[in-house]
Amino acid sequence: MGSGEAVLAAILAMSAIVLVARWPVGVSLGTYAFLLPFDAVLIVGQVGQIHLHLTWFVGAMAGAVLLTLGLVGRGFVRPPRVALWLSLFVFFAGMSSIWAINAHNAVFRLPVIGLLLFLYLAAVSIRTNENELATVAWLAILGGCVAGALSLYAFLHVEGGALIQELSGRETLATGERVTDPNTLGATLILPLSLAVGLLLSSHTWVRRTFLGGVVALIGIGICATMSRGALVATAVVFAIYLRQSRARQHVLVCIAILGAVLLVMPQAFFLRLDGAFTDRGAGRLDIWHVGLQAFLHHAVIGAGLDCFPDAYNEYVHTAPNFKGFSRAPHNIYLATLVELGAAGLVLLLSTIRGHLILTGKLREAESDNSSRLRSISYESACWGLLASGVFLDILWEQYFWFTLMLLVMAASVRRPGREASSRGQAPFFTMRATGEGILSDWQVPRCRTLPDHPH
């Protein structure tokens, strides 16, 4: 590293320290949220067979910042019961390495799930307020916009390259030899899309509506250009939840019309891929799932062990109607849990999911202000969308899935009955002004109240 690069790195480091000191929750978690769509290409090193992702280090630092903040005076809140269910699920997954049919695969993921649980518990245990959640939400949306714009630029301007040919023209992110799976990229954009739609529906000026309409269109184009059928299903689920739960159904239909217009400019390859959903048996997923069910019947109670689906699949691959190769991934979080952790693991997973959805349902029903209600729906619809995506994609241990659950619980903590939100000493990290009114204002509580001096 040259002297100029060293000086630049020092300036960036000092700037980051100042920003975190001023807005600890918004900047630490917001930076993490911003980087999530780029996770697959942000590799900073390798230890053995393990690739070290930048987002892991940012997430660890965010968790450390939150714990420090709670210890030095912010205080903690008691996590909801659903956090216990999630902890039990992670503990059971870790314990499955003891009886795993391939112990090497089982322990491979343990550091990652330990980090995810650490950040989750730190985030849901710290006192937060509406302004901080607004900052995190905006940075998550910004990350989705940047990822969508960069990948869309490559999608439109890179022609004839080996990478594009390999992916059949599907939009993706790439740096050097590292490429984001288009299906994964589409899934990472579900949360930013849902948050942007919630902001659009709660906007009261044409300036904000126009700006956020463009944001929704950009992220929507990004999802469509990945040509991920699972991401399209997830997007449909997001809008279905908005139509059911929102009181602004006409505005939701306008958002759907925006995305409908996006479909009109999609290339023919997009529609050919949709038409081939049944002829290619879901890119071979139906055959993989058939083998997975056979494997479950022989590992029904406690499973074959964490990350051992490919090994269990190989044992019964001869039962496949159509052979799709060895050591295949499950492409379904529910089937993967059945095979790897058995019926006991699936019960824990479904209990965890149910707890989060009940929590957000109670939060939504308790909201009397329409903007607050739409904000709650934005978390709920993103969660439902990713759960639908989990039918076709392995997202169970992905950071963006856990981050969505994390935001949901943090929002419920802020709006918990008897929990007084405060913005004392915590101005938003950034606020965009238009016609004298902040764009973030729709995400803030109608009036500021004061936190109690003692932790819950």
Protein backbone atom coordinates (compact mmCIF):
# COMPACT_ATOMS: atom_id res chain seq x y z
CA MET A 1 0.00 0.00 0.00
CA GLY A 2 1.42 3.34 -1.04
CA SER A 3 1.49 6.44 1.12
CA GLY A 4 -1.47 7.96 -0.71
CA GLU A 5 -3.56 4.85 -0.21
CA ALA A 6 -2.56 4.71 3.44
CA VAL A 7 -3.66 8.32 3.97
CA LEU A 8 -6.97 7.65 2.21
CA ALA A 9 -7.55 4.53 4.32
CA ALA A 10 -6.80 6.51 7.49
CA ILE A 11 -9.24 9.26 6.47
CA LEU A 12 -11.97 6.72 5.72
CA ALA A 13 -11.32 4.94 9.02
CA MET A 14 -11.53 8.19 11.00
CA SER A 15 -14.69 9.21 9.15
CA ALA A 16 -16.26 5.85 9.93
CA ILE A 17 -15.37 6.19 13.62
CA VAL A 18 -16.92 9.67 13.78
CA LEU A 19 -20.11 8.55 12.05
CA VAL A 20 -20.49 5.47 14.24
CA ALA A 21 -19.89 7.57 17.34
CA ARG A 22 -22.60 10.03 16.26
CA TRP A 23 -25.16 7.55 14.91
CA PRO A 24 -24.09 4.14 16.30
CA VAL A 25 -27.19 2.10 15.47
CA GLY A 26 -28.08 3.71 12.16
CA VAL A 27 -24.56 3.70 10.72
CA SER A 28 -23.44 0.26 11.97
CA LEU A 29 -26.57 -1.65 11.00
CA GLY A 30 -27.24 0.59 8.01
CA THR A 31 -23.80 -0.08 6.53
CA TYR A 32 -24.38 -3.78 7.04
CA ALA A 33 -27.76 -3.54 5.30
CA PHE A 34 -26.26 -1.54 2.42
CA LEU A 35 -23.62 -4.20 1.74
CA LEU A 36 -25.88 -7.27 1.85
CA PRO A 37 -26.71 -7.33 -1.90
CA PHE A 38 -22.96 -7.36 -2.63
CA ASP A 39 -22.12 -10.13 -0.15
CA ALA A 40 -21.18 -12.80 -2.71
CA VAL A 41 -18.59 -10.62 -4.45
CA LEU A 42 -17.11 -8.91 -1.40
CA ILE A 43 -14.52 -11.58 -0.53
CA VAL A 44 -11.58 -10.20 1.46
CA GLY A 45 -9.61 -13.39 2.08
CA GLN A 46 -9.68 -17.13 2.49
CA VAL A 47 -8.87 -19.51 5.34
CA GLY A 48 -8.67 -23.07 4.09
CA GLN A 49 -11.87 -23.66 2.13
CA ILE A 50 -13.71 -20.82 3.86
CA HIS A 51 -14.06 -17.54 1.94
CA LEU A 52 -14.10 -14.54 4.27
CA HIS A 53 -16.85 -12.10 3.34
CA LEU A 54 -16.60 -8.40 4.12
CA THR A 55 -20.18 -8.44 5.41
CA TRP A 56 -19.15 -10.92 8.13
CA PHE A 57 -16.68 -8.43 9.58
CA VAL A 58 -19.09 -5.52 9.21
CA GLY A 59 -21.80 -7.57 10.94
CA ALA A 60 -19.44 -8.54 13.78
CA MET A 61 -18.43 -4.92 14.27
CA ALA A 62 -22.09 -3.84 14.19
CA GLY A 63 -22.90 -6.37 16.91
CA ALA A 64 -19.94 -5.16 18.98
CA VAL A 65 -21.07 -1.53 18.57
CA LEU A 66 -24.60 -2.39 19.70
CA LEU A 67 -23.42 -4.30 22.75
CA THR A 68 -21.03 -1.50 23.71
CA LEU A 69 -23.79 1.05 23.27
CA GLY A 70 -26.07 -0.91 25.57
CA LEU A 71 -23.40 -1.35 28.22
CA VAL A 72 -22.26 2.26 28.34
CA GLY A 73 -25.68 3.75 28.99
CA ARG A 74 -28.32 3.08 26.30
CA GLY A 75 -29.49 0.00 28.16
CA PHE A 76 -31.09 -3.17 26.87
CA VAL A 77 -34.62 -4.39 26.34
CA ARG A 78 -35.77 -7.93 26.96
CA PRO A 79 -35.87 -9.85 23.65
CA PRO A 80 -39.25 -11.31 22.74
CA ARG A 81 -39.95 -15.00 23.17
CA VAL A 82 -39.37 -15.62 19.47
CA ALA A 83 -35.66 -14.92 20.05
CA LEU A 84 -35.60 -17.97 22.33
CA TRP A 85 -37.13 -20.13 19.60
CA LEU A 86 -34.53 -18.92 17.13
CA SER A 87 -31.74 -19.59 19.63
CA LEU A 88 -33.06 -23.11 20.24
CA PHE A 89 -33.16 -23.73 16.49
CA VAL A 90 -29.56 -22.57 16.05
CA PHE A 91 -28.46 -24.62 19.07
CA PHE A 92 -30.13 -27.75 17.68
CA ALA A 93 -28.53 -27.13 14.27
CA GLY A 94 -25.13 -26.83 15.90
CA MET A 95 -25.66 -29.97 18.00
CA SER A 96 -26.56 -31.92 14.86
CA SER A 97 -22.86 -31.90 13.96
CA ILE A 98 -22.46 -34.59 16.63
CA TRP A 99 -24.54 -37.16 14.72
CA ALA A 100 -23.98 -35.78 11.20
CA ILE A 101 -23.25 -38.27 8.43
CA ASN A 102 -20.51 -35.90 7.25
CA ALA A 103 -19.00 -34.12 10.26
CA HIS A 104 -16.73 -31.98 8.07
CA ASN A 105 -19.69 -30.37 6.30
CA ALA A 106 -21.62 -30.01 9.54
CA VAL A 107 -18.99 -27.91 11.33
CA PHE A 108 -18.18 -25.86 8.23
CA ARG A 109 -21.09 -23.44 8.78
CA LEU A 110 -20.96 -23.19 12.59
CA PRO A 111 -18.93 -19.92 12.71
CA VAL A 112 -21.37 -18.26 10.31
CA ILE A 113 -24.54 -19.23 12.18
CA GLY A 114 -22.84 -18.22 15.43
CA LEU A 115 -22.17 -14.77 13.97
CA LEU A 116 -25.75 -14.48 12.70
CA LEU A 117 -27.16 -15.33 16.12
CA PHE A 118 -24.79 -12.92 17.85
CA LEU A 119 -25.81 -10.00 15.61
CA TYR A 120 -29.50 -10.92 15.85
CA LEU A 121 -29.49 -11.03 19.66
CA ALA A 122 -27.46 -7.83 19.92
CA ALA A 123 -29.85 -5.98 17.57
CA VAL A 124 -33.09 -7.14 19.22
CA SER A 125 -31.74 -6.44 22.72
CA ILE A 126 -30.63 -2.83 22.22
CA ARG A 127 -32.89 0.17 22.70
CA THR A 128 -33.68 1.73 19.31
CA ASN A 129 -35.95 4.49 18.08
CA GLU A 130 -37.83 5.40 14.93
CA ASN A 131 -35.12 7.66 13.54
CA GLU A 132 -32.51 4.91 13.78
CA LEU A 133 -34.78 2.39 12.07
CA ALA A 134 -35.48 4.97 9.37
CA THR A 135 -31.75 5.36 8.74
CA VAL A 136 -31.25 1.60 8.53
CA ALA A 137 -34.22 1.27 6.17
CA TRP A 138 -32.98 4.03 3.86
CA LEU A 139 -29.48 2.54 3.68
CA ALA A 140 -31.00 -0.88 2.90
CA ILE A 141 -33.01 0.72 0.08
CA LEU A 142 -29.92 2.57 -1.14
CA GLY A 143 -27.95 -0.68 -1.23
CA GLY A 144 -30.70 -2.30 -3.27
CA CYS A 145 -30.75 0.64 -5.69
CA VAL A 146 -26.97 0.61 -6.18
CA ALA A 147 -26.86 -3.16 -6.66
CA GLY A 148 -29.76 -3.03 -9.09
CA ALA A 149 -28.23 -0.13 -11.04
CA LEU A 150 -24.76 -1.68 -11.30
CA SER A 151 -26.02 -5.08 -12.36
CA LEU A 152 -28.50 -3.51 -14.78
CA TYR A 153 -25.72 -1.48 -16.38
CA ALA A 154 -23.70 -4.65 -16.95
CA PHE A 155 -26.84 -6.41 -18.17
CA LEU A 156 -27.40 -3.74 -20.83
CA HIS A 157 -23.79 -3.01 -21.87
CA VAL A 158 -21.83 -6.24 -21.59
CA GLU A 159 -22.38 -8.32 -24.70
CA GLY A 160 -20.97 -11.62 -25.82
CA GLY A 161 -18.83 -12.22 -22.71
CA ALA A 162 -18.35 -15.72 -21.35
CA LEU A 163 -20.03 -14.73 -18.10
CA ILE A 164 -23.14 -13.43 -19.80
CA GLN A 165 -23.33 -16.46 -22.06
CA GLU A 166 -23.02 -18.77 -19.09
CA LEU A 167 -25.90 -17.05 -17.30
CA SER A 168 -28.04 -16.84 -20.46
CA GLY A 169 -28.15 -13.05 -20.29
CA ARG A 170 -29.43 -12.91 -16.70
CA GLU A 171 -28.54 -9.88 -14.60
CA THR A 172 -25.92 -10.44 -11.91
CA LEU A 173 -23.10 -8.76 -9.99
CA ALA A 174 -19.51 -9.63 -10.82
CA THR A 175 -16.05 -8.55 -9.68
CA GLY A 176 -13.21 -10.33 -11.43
CA GLU A 177 -13.94 -14.06 -11.20
CA ARG A 178 -16.58 -13.72 -8.47
CA VAL A 179 -20.21 -13.72 -9.52
CA THR A 180 -23.45 -13.40 -7.58
CA ASP A 181 -26.00 -16.08 -8.41
CA PRO A 182 -28.87 -14.23 -10.16
CA ASN A 183 -31.36 -16.05 -7.94
CA THR A 184 -29.52 -14.80 -4.84
CA LEU A 185 -29.32 -11.26 -6.20
CA GLY A 186 -33.07 -11.28 -6.81
CA ALA A 187 -33.72 -12.49 -3.26
CA THR A 188 -31.50 -9.79 -1.71
CA LEU A 189 -33.60 -7.10 -3.43
CA ILE A 190 -36.89 -8.23 -1.87
CA LEU A 191 -36.37 -6.36 1.42
CA PRO A 192 -35.29 -3.07 -0.25
CA LEU A 193 -38.29 -3.32 -2.59
CA SER A 194 -40.75 -3.86 0.26
CA LEU A 195 -39.28 -1.00 2.31
CA ALA A 196 -39.41 1.34 -0.71
CA VAL A 197 -43.04 0.45 -1.42
CA GLY A 198 -43.94 1.18 2.21
CA LEU A 199 -42.33 4.61 1.96
CA LEU A 200 -44.04 5.31 -1.36
CA LEU A 201 -47.48 4.45 0.00
CA SER A 202 -46.98 6.68 3.04
CA SER A 203 -45.73 9.68 1.04
CA HIS A 204 -47.84 12.84 0.96
CA THR A 205 -46.07 15.01 -1.64
CA TRP A 206 -45.60 14.53 -5.37
CA VAL A 207 -41.87 15.06 -5.03
CA ARG A 208 -41.49 12.12 -2.67
CA ARG A 209 -43.93 9.98 -4.62
CA THR A 210 -42.07 10.60 -7.87
CA PHE A 211 -38.70 9.92 -6.30
CA LEU A 212 -39.83 6.75 -4.52
CA GLY A 213 -41.75 5.58 -7.59
CA GLY A 214 -38.45 5.71 -9.47
CA VAL A 215 -36.77 3.76 -6.64
CA VAL A 216 -39.44 1.05 -6.76
CA ALA A 217 -39.14 0.87 -10.57
CA LEU A 218 -35.33 0.59 -10.41
CA ILE A 219 -35.35 -2.20 -7.84
CA GLY A 220 -38.22 -3.90 -9.68
CA ILE A 221 -36.26 -3.82 -12.93
CA GLY A 222 -33.31 -5.31 -11.07
CA ILE A 223 -35.42 -8.20 -9.81
CA CYS A 224 -36.98 -8.87 -13.21
CA ALA A 225 -33.62 -8.72 -15.01
CA THR A 226 -32.26 -11.51 -12.80
CA MET A 227 -34.95 -13.68 -14.42
CA SER A 228 -35.26 -15.50 -11.10
CA ARG A 229 -38.63 -17.19 -11.00
CA GLY A 230 -38.38 -17.55 -7.23
CA ALA A 231 -37.72 -13.82 -6.84
CA LEU A 232 -40.72 -13.03 -9.04
CA VAL A 233 -42.92 -15.23 -6.85
CA ALA A 234 -41.53 -13.45 -3.77
CA THR A 235 -42.29 -10.07 -5.35
CA ALA A 236 -45.86 -11.17 -6.06
CA VAL A 237 -46.22 -12.26 -2.43
CA VAL A 238 -44.92 -8.87 -1.22
CA PHE A 239 -47.64 -7.04 -3.15
CA ALA A 240 -50.27 -9.59 -2.14
CA ILE A 241 -49.55 -8.81 1.52
CA TYR A 242 -49.77 -5.09 0.81
CA LEU A 243 -53.10 -5.56 -0.95
CA ARG A 244 -54.48 -7.56 1.94
CA GLN A 245 -53.14 -5.55 4.87
CA SER A 246 -52.87 -2.00 3.52
CA ARG A 247 -55.70 0.50 3.55
CA ALA A 248 -54.25 2.20 0.45
CA ARG A 249 -55.09 -0.55 -2.03
CA GLN A 250 -55.45 1.85 -4.95
CA HIS A 251 -51.90 3.07 -4.42
CA VAL A 252 -50.68 -0.54 -4.20
CA LEU A 253 -52.29 -1.18 -7.58
CA VAL A 254 -50.35 1.80 -8.94
CA CYS A 255 -47.10 0.18 -7.72
CA ILE A 256 -48.12 -3.06 -9.39
CA ALA A 257 -48.81 -1.12 -12.59
CA ILE A 258 -45.28 0.34 -12.39
CA LEU A 259 -43.80 -3.14 -12.25
CA GLY A 260 -46.18 -4.25 -14.99
CA ALA A 261 -44.72 -1.55 -17.19
CA VAL A 262 -41.27 -2.89 -16.36
CA LEU A 263 -42.26 -6.28 -17.74
CA LEU A 264 -43.15 -4.72 -21.08
CA VAL A 265 -39.51 -3.80 -21.72
CA MET A 266 -38.04 -7.16 -20.69
CA PRO A 267 -36.26 -9.15 -23.43
CA GLN A 268 -37.76 -12.27 -24.96
CA ALA A 269 -35.38 -14.47 -22.92
CA PHE A 270 -37.28 -13.41 -19.80
CA PHE A 271 -40.59 -14.80 -21.07
CA LEU A 272 -38.95 -17.92 -22.51
CA ARG A 273 -37.53 -18.65 -19.07
CA LEU A 274 -40.98 -18.27 -17.50
CA ASP A 275 -42.49 -20.56 -20.13
CA GLY A 276 -39.86 -23.19 -19.35
CA ALA A 277 -40.72 -23.38 -15.65
CA PHE A 278 -42.61 -26.65 -16.13
CA THR A 279 -40.74 -28.15 -19.04
CA ASP A 280 -37.41 -28.01 -17.18
CA ARG A 281 -39.15 -29.20 -13.96
CA GLY A 282 -38.10 -26.06 -12.11
CA ALA A 283 -34.49 -26.33 -13.31
CA GLY A 284 -34.44 -29.88 -11.96
CA ARG A 285 -35.78 -28.94 -8.53
CA LEU A 286 -38.69 -31.40 -8.70
CA ASP A 287 -36.28 -34.29 -9.18
CA ILE A 288 -34.03 -33.04 -6.38
CA TRP A 289 -37.01 -32.69 -4.05
CA HIS A 290 -38.14 -36.23 -4.86
CA VAL A 291 -34.77 -37.58 -3.75
CA GLY A 292 -34.82 -35.29 -0.72
CA LEU A 293 -38.12 -36.74 0.47
CA GLN A 294 -36.67 -40.23 0.19
CA ALA A 295 -33.68 -39.11 2.26
CA PHE A 296 -36.01 -37.60 4.87
CA LEU A 297 -37.80 -40.93 5.35
CA HIS A 298 -34.48 -42.41 6.48
CA HIS A 299 -33.46 -39.44 8.67
CA ALA A 300 -36.91 -38.48 9.90
CA VAL A 301 -36.42 -37.68 13.59
CA ILE A 302 -33.18 -35.74 14.10
CA GLY A 303 -31.91 -35.54 10.51
CA ALA A 304 -28.64 -36.22 8.75
CA GLY A 305 -26.83 -33.21 10.23
CA LEU A 306 -26.30 -29.56 9.38
CA ASP A 307 -25.30 -28.97 5.74
CA CYS A 308 -25.45 -32.70 5.02
CA PHE A 309 -28.29 -32.60 2.48
CA PRO A 310 -25.87 -33.27 -0.45
CA ASP A 311 -24.52 -36.37 1.34
CA ALA A 312 -28.00 -37.67 2.15
CA TYR A 313 -29.03 -36.87 -1.43
CA ASN A 314 -26.18 -39.01 -2.79
CA GLU A 315 -27.40 -42.00 -0.76
CA TYR A 316 -30.77 -42.00 -2.54
CA VAL A 317 -29.97 -40.32 -5.86
CA HIS A 318 -30.89 -43.56 -7.63
CA THR A 319 -34.57 -42.89 -6.79
CA ALA A 320 -34.70 -39.71 -8.89
CA PRO A 321 -37.12 -39.77 -11.85
CA ASN A 322 -34.45 -37.87 -13.80
CA PHE A 323 -30.81 -37.95 -12.76
CA LYS A 324 -29.55 -34.42 -12.00
CA GLY A 325 -26.06 -35.20 -10.77
CA PHE A 326 -24.56 -35.82 -7.37
CA SER A 327 -24.26 -33.61 -4.28
CA ARG A 328 -27.09 -31.28 -5.23
CA ALA A 329 -28.29 -28.47 -2.98
CA PRO A 330 -31.91 -28.73 -1.77
CA HIS A 331 -33.18 -25.39 -3.20
CA ASN A 332 -35.84 -25.42 -0.49
CA ILE A 333 -35.28 -24.38 3.13
CA TYR A 334 -38.15 -26.50 4.45
CA LEU A 335 -37.05 -29.70 2.76
CA ALA A 336 -33.44 -28.96 3.70
CA THR A 337 -34.45 -28.63 7.35
CA LEU A 338 -36.40 -31.89 7.21
CA VAL A 339 -33.44 -33.81 5.79
CA GLU A 340 -30.68 -32.16 7.81
CA LEU A 341 -32.44 -31.61 11.15
CA GLY A 342 -35.39 -33.96 10.92
CA ALA A 343 -38.94 -33.36 12.08
CA ALA A 344 -37.62 -31.88 15.33
CA GLY A 345 -35.69 -29.23 13.43
CA LEU A 346 -38.64 -28.37 11.20
CA VAL A 347 -40.85 -27.86 14.28
CA LEU A 348 -38.30 -25.44 15.70
CA LEU A 349 -38.00 -23.60 12.37
CA LEU A 350 -41.76 -23.29 11.89
CA SER A 351 -42.17 -22.16 15.51
CA THR A 352 -39.54 -19.48 14.90
CA ILE A 353 -41.23 -18.30 11.70
CA ARG A 354 -44.67 -18.35 13.32
CA GLY A 355 -43.39 -16.30 16.26
CA HIS A 356 -41.99 -13.59 14.00
CA LEU A 357 -45.19 -13.39 11.95
CA ILE A 358 -47.37 -13.21 15.06
CA LEU A 359 -45.13 -10.46 16.40
CA THR A 360 -45.46 -8.36 13.26
CA GLY A 361 -49.20 -9.04 13.10
CA LYS A 362 -49.67 -7.68 16.61
CA LEU A 363 -47.47 -4.72 15.75
CA ARG A 364 -49.54 -3.92 12.66
CA GLU A 365 -52.88 -4.20 14.42
CA ALA A 366 -51.70 -1.94 17.25
CA GLU A 367 -50.84 0.88 14.84
CA SER A 368 -53.44 3.62 14.51
CA ASP A 369 -51.32 5.95 12.39
CA ASN A 370 -51.39 4.96 8.71
CA SER A 371 -47.69 5.70 8.11
CA SER A 372 -46.70 3.53 11.08
CA ARG A 373 -49.01 0.78 9.87
CA LEU A 374 -47.45 0.86 6.39
CA ARG A 375 -44.00 0.68 7.93
CA SER A 376 -45.04 -2.45 9.84
CA ILE A 377 -46.48 -3.96 6.67
CA SER A 378 -43.20 -3.32 4.84
CA TYR A 379 -41.36 -5.59 7.29
CA GLU A 380 -44.13 -8.19 7.25
CA SER A 381 -44.41 -8.36 3.46
CA ALA A 382 -40.63 -8.67 3.08
CA CYS A 383 -40.64 -11.56 5.54
CA TRP A 384 -43.47 -13.33 3.69
CA GLY A 385 -41.75 -12.71 0.36
CA LEU A 386 -38.49 -14.28 1.53
CA LEU A 387 -40.35 -17.23 3.05
CA ALA A 388 -41.92 -17.78 -0.37
CA SER A 389 -38.49 -17.46 -1.97
CA GLY A 390 -37.28 -20.13 0.43
CA VAL A 391 -39.43 -22.67 -1.40
CA PHE A 392 -37.07 -22.36 -4.39
CA LEU A 393 -33.78 -21.12 -2.92
CA ASP A 394 -31.50 -21.97 0.01
CA ILE A 395 -31.82 -18.77 2.05
CA LEU A 396 -32.06 -20.20 5.56
CA TRP A 397 -28.53 -19.23 6.58
CA GLU A 398 -28.28 -16.16 4.37
CA GLN A 399 -27.61 -12.84 6.05
CA TYR A 400 -30.36 -10.90 4.24
CA PHE A 401 -32.99 -13.36 5.55
CA TRP A 402 -31.78 -13.00 9.11
CA PHE A 403 -31.56 -9.23 8.74
CA THR A 404 -35.22 -9.11 7.72
CA LEU A 405 -36.21 -11.03 10.87
CA MET A 406 -33.98 -8.73 12.88
CA LEU A 407 -35.64 -5.56 11.55
CA LEU A 408 -39.06 -7.00 12.26
CA VAL A 409 -38.24 -7.62 15.93
CA MET A 410 -36.53 -4.24 16.33
CA ALA A 411 -39.60 -2.49 14.94
CA ALA A 412 -41.83 -4.42 17.34
CA SER A 413 -39.56 -3.41 20.22
CA VAL A 414 -39.79 0.26 19.29
CA ARG A 415 -43.58 0.15 19.08
CA ARG A 416 -44.15 -2.30 21.93
CA PRO A 417 -47.10 -1.30 24.17
CA GLY A 418 -45.68 0.61 27.11
CA ARG A 419 -42.36 1.05 25.28
CA GLU A 420 -41.76 4.76 24.85
CA ALA A 421 -39.80 5.64 21.70
CA SER A 422 -37.39 8.54 21.82
CA SER A 423 -35.22 10.42 19.39
CA ARG A 424 -33.39 12.25 22.18
CA GLY A 425 -29.86 12.95 20.99
CA GLN A 426 -30.35 10.75 17.92
CA ALA A 427 -31.07 12.75 14.79
CA PRO A 428 -31.41 10.80 11.56
CA PHE A 429 -28.11 9.96 9.84
CA PHE A 430 -29.32 11.71 6.69
CA THR A 431 -32.58 13.38 5.68
CA MET A 432 -33.57 14.36 2.17
CA ARG A 433 -35.55 17.59 2.06
CA ALA A 434 -38.24 18.38 -0.46
CA THR A 435 -40.69 21.29 -0.34
CA GLY A 436 -39.76 21.93 3.25
CA GLU A 437 -40.62 18.42 4.39
CA GLY A 438 -38.23 15.57 5.14
CA ILE A 439 -38.53 12.45 3.03
CA LEU A 440 -37.86 10.41 6.16
CA SER A 441 -40.66 12.14 8.07
CA ASP A 442 -43.22 9.48 7.19
CA TRP A 443 -41.08 6.96 9.07
CA GLN A 444 -41.03 8.94 12.29
CA VAL A 445 -43.53 8.76 15.14
CA PRO A 446 -46.17 11.51 15.23
CA ARG A 447 -44.67 12.93 18.42
CA CYS A 448 -41.52 12.37 20.42
CA ARG A 449 -41.77 10.73 23.78
CA THR A 450 -39.22 9.84 26.43
CA LEU A 451 -37.61 6.54 27.27
CA PRO A 452 -37.85 5.34 30.86
CA ASP A 453 -34.58 5.62 32.76
CA HIS A 454 -34.46 1.94 33.68
CA PRO A 455 -34.02 -1.04 31.30
CA HIS A 456 -36.83 -3.50 30.84
